[in-house]
Protein backbone atom coordinates (compact mmCIF):
# COMPACT_ATOMS: atom_id res chain seq x y z
CA MET A 1 27.47 24.20 47.97
CA TYR A 2 26.59 26.22 45.21
CA TRP A 3 24.46 23.06 43.96
CA ASP A 4 22.65 22.85 47.33
CA VAL A 5 18.92 22.86 47.22
CA LYS A 6 17.66 25.44 49.49
CA THR A 7 13.69 25.22 48.82
CA VAL A 8 11.41 22.37 47.71
CA THR A 9 7.84 22.19 47.32
CA PRO A 10 5.87 19.10 46.10
CA LEU A 11 3.33 20.11 42.93
CA SER A 12 1.04 18.19 41.01
CA ASP A 13 1.61 15.89 38.51
CA TYR A 14 4.91 14.36 40.58
CA ARG A 15 7.00 17.71 39.94
CA LEU A 16 9.34 19.67 42.41
CA TYR A 17 9.89 23.14 42.80
CA VAL A 18 13.27 23.57 44.06
CA GLU A 19 15.67 26.45 44.55
CA ILE A 20 19.40 25.93 44.47
CA ALA A 21 22.03 27.80 46.61
CA ASP A 22 23.29 29.35 43.40
CA GLY A 23 20.14 31.41 42.98
CA ARG A 24 18.75 29.17 40.34
CA ARG A 25 14.99 27.98 40.53
CA GLY A 26 13.39 25.39 38.44
CA ILE A 27 10.74 22.57 38.29
CA PHE A 28 12.32 18.91 38.58
CA ASP A 29 9.81 16.45 36.73
CA VAL A 30 10.13 13.04 38.92
CA LYS A 31 7.68 11.26 36.46
CA PRO A 32 10.37 9.45 34.55
CA TYR A 33 11.65 7.99 37.96
CA LEU A 34 8.58 6.22 38.98
CA ASP A 35 8.90 3.04 37.46
CA HIS A 36 12.25 2.12 38.39
CA GLY A 37 13.29 0.11 41.78
CA VAL A 38 12.96 2.52 45.11
CA PHE A 39 11.41 5.14 43.13
CA ARG A 40 8.47 3.31 42.60
CA GLU A 41 7.11 4.25 46.29
CA LEU A 42 7.00 7.92 45.09
CA ARG A 43 4.07 6.78 43.32
CA ASN A 44 1.79 7.51 46.34
CA PRO A 45 1.17 10.80 46.38
CA ASN A 46 0.84 11.31 50.21
CA TYR A 47 4.56 9.87 50.28
CA PHE A 48 5.59 11.94 47.65
CA ARG A 49 4.86 15.06 49.35
CA GLN A 50 7.02 14.03 52.36
CA VAL A 51 10.12 15.34 50.46
CA SER A 52 12.61 16.87 52.31
CA ILE A 53 16.36 18.38 51.92
CA ILE A 54 19.07 16.54 53.66
CA LEU A 55 22.45 17.87 53.32
CA GLY A 56 21.43 20.32 50.23
CA ALA A 57 20.15 17.01 48.47
CA LEU A 58 16.22 16.07 48.06
CA THR A 59 15.48 12.80 49.93
CA TRP A 60 12.18 11.20 51.00
CA PRO A 61 11.89 9.18 54.29
CA HIS A 62 12.98 6.00 52.95
CA GLN A 63 16.01 7.03 51.64
CA GLN A 64 15.56 7.84 47.97
CA ASP A 65 17.05 10.85 46.95
CA ILE A 66 17.85 12.81 43.72
CA ALA A 67 21.76 13.18 42.74
CA PRO A 68 22.48 16.86 42.71
CA GLU A 69 24.07 16.17 39.46
CA THR A 70 20.91 14.80 38.14
CA LEU A 71 18.94 17.62 39.43
CA LEU A 72 20.83 20.44 37.85
CA ALA A 73 20.91 18.31 34.39
CA GLU A 74 17.22 17.73 34.45
CA ILE A 75 15.87 21.08 36.22
CA ILE A 76 13.78 23.08 33.99
CA PRO A 77 14.29 26.81 34.96
CA VAL A 78 11.47 29.35 36.04
CA ASP A 79 11.84 32.74 36.85
CA ALA A 80 9.47 32.83 39.87
CA PRO A 81 7.79 30.36 42.58
CA PRO A 82 4.55 28.68 41.20
CA ASP A 83 1.45 29.98 42.18
CA ASP A 84 -1.48 27.89 43.26
CA ALA A 85 -2.35 27.18 39.86
CA LEU A 86 0.09 24.71 39.51
CA GLN A 87 -1.60 22.89 42.35
CA ARG A 88 -5.10 22.90 41.52
CA ASP A 89 -5.17 19.34 40.33
CA MET A 90 -3.55 17.76 43.68
CA PRO A 91 -5.84 15.76 45.60
CA GLN A 92 -6.82 18.15 48.42
CA ALA A 93 -5.81 15.73 51.01
CA ALA A 94 -2.02 15.92 49.44
CA ARG A 95 -1.87 19.73 49.96
CA PRO A 96 -0.63 21.13 52.80
């Protein structure tokens, strides 16, 4: 579908770079969700970086996910993939 996530890259400060099937690219900020229910587990930087794509949606191993409509409504558009500067403040142990 046009809203399927095709690429996800975890960034510093609980942000995700995503590319959508329709060509949009952007940054999704997960911080507003970190104090709510199952999303609290995402506070762990190592766990946060385990984000993946299942059936076009952003998901984590313990079944947390971001609904496509939420992602599309809150994504901050960017013109190009992020460079290493966006990941500089990520702890070394959490980097790929």
